[in-house]
Amino acid sequence: MTATARELASAFSTRVVRELSKPHPALWARERIVPIAELVDADAPLRLAFEAAHAQLASTYRCEYVYKSAVIKQAIATEPTAHAMTGLPVFLSIADVAVAGEAASAFEIKTDLDSFTRLELQVLSYSRCFEYVHVVTSEAKAARVLDALPEHVGVRALDDDSLALTTARPASGGHSRLDPVSLFRVLRQSERLAVLHRQLEYTADVPSALLYRRTAELFTSLPIDAAYQEFVTELRHRDARQRAAAAAAALPASLAAAAAGLTLSAVAWQRLGQLLQKPVAQLTNTTHGWAA
């Protein structure tokens, strides 16, 4: 891994992209995009710089972000209305990617730079909340991953010559591994109330301080099949308005994984989309701020 590869990868962090959506991004964020801007002509828009940087990472340094991009690309191509999320807290772990469509899946990424130290715990956590659990790795590590995982966990490998994902073993479905308490904790309070209203016609009947306990009791009393289907429905529709705003911003495909981990206002998404259309020459003056 070279310094250049590290610099290119850092431009795709959610922290950088969030900062770029602000009216006056901080100097540190502007400095992060200088290396990617150098990959294109001065009059090229910033969006093309991100595309060029992503292509270079895919061919020379397959970091976690490249894997996330491949997972999300495949998921949305398979089911365009699915909701892809990154960094979702699930029981004792954080899912690299979670996808909620007609079904729901969690993905753990293990690049060639990763160890398997926490893999057992990660798979256990995801299996409590997602019917389908996958580990995504390189072709070189696929056999080792297969040996390390329970049979219900699927394994996908990122092709050495492209960004295509191949299935080494499909994930097995079923609800026997799901845990109602863990499902409840992934949901937001508004989502829990929506589920309980649909299932039990429940509306809040206790003070706010007692609402968590009350809704937990009711949610965990639901049949697991009903609770899980409602869980998938709520994740699929989560942040629908801000996702529509993100789509309207027409971000490049290279930023799909970054966008999946962000919650921004409609105005911020619009501002980011406009920034990405500007020539890099206008954006890389880190001494005097954004060039006019």
Foldseek 3Di string as FASTA:
>chain_A
DDPLLVLLVVLLALVLLLQLLDPFRDLVSLQSLVSLLVQDDQFAFLLVSLVSSLVVCLQPPVDPLLLLLLVVVVLCVVPVLKAKAAQQDFDPDTFRIWIFDQFIETEAEDEPPHDCPCVVVVVLRRLQQHQAYEYEYAPVCQVVVVVVDDQQHWYWHQDNVDRHIDTPHGHGGDQPSYDQLRLLVSDDPVLLQVLCCVVPVDDDDDPPVCSSVVSSVVRNVDDSVSSNSSSSVCNSCPLVVQVVLLVVLVRDSSNPSSVSHDRDDSSSSVSSSVNSRGRVNQRNPSVPGGHD
